[in-house]
């Protein structure tokens, strides 16, 4: 780090913060995982940040792991949705998402991240199977193509009850 290198020294950045990770039981014993991650750094982003999700049953026995990558723009809260993360016979009681900080590389990022603006949200359906319809608008002058949109449904107490992901071409 330092010098003419494009990376920011690890000592000069704050690691990402996982605000929550939750297992959601779906149809046919399928378990999805939804997590939210915050990058608190105002001028540093991490591209292709490697994460690991560990899933445990009620006895704290490891049921499985899933790995993936995610981009972490500066000062952004990023949802991570993993459909069918577990399809065993046991119930996932807890899920934990972590980053390997040794592999995490931050780059200077002075560009402003403009996530799509969501409006006209309509919630319908039953509590156990909510349906969300909304309008997503690009606030940036840069065209967005093939955007993964993740929807998270919270109950009155702020607990996640459903999540889904769709690709907007």
Foldseek 3Di string as FASTA:
>chain_A
DDDPDQWDDLVVADDKDWPFKDWAQDPLRFIKIKTKIFGAAQFKKWFFFKKKKWFAAPVRDTPDMDIGTDIHDHGDIDMDMGTRPDRDPTDGPGMDMDTDSVPTTIGTHPDDDFFWDKDPWDWDDDLQDIDIDIDTHGPDPDDDAFDKDKDFDADPVRHTHDIDIDTDD
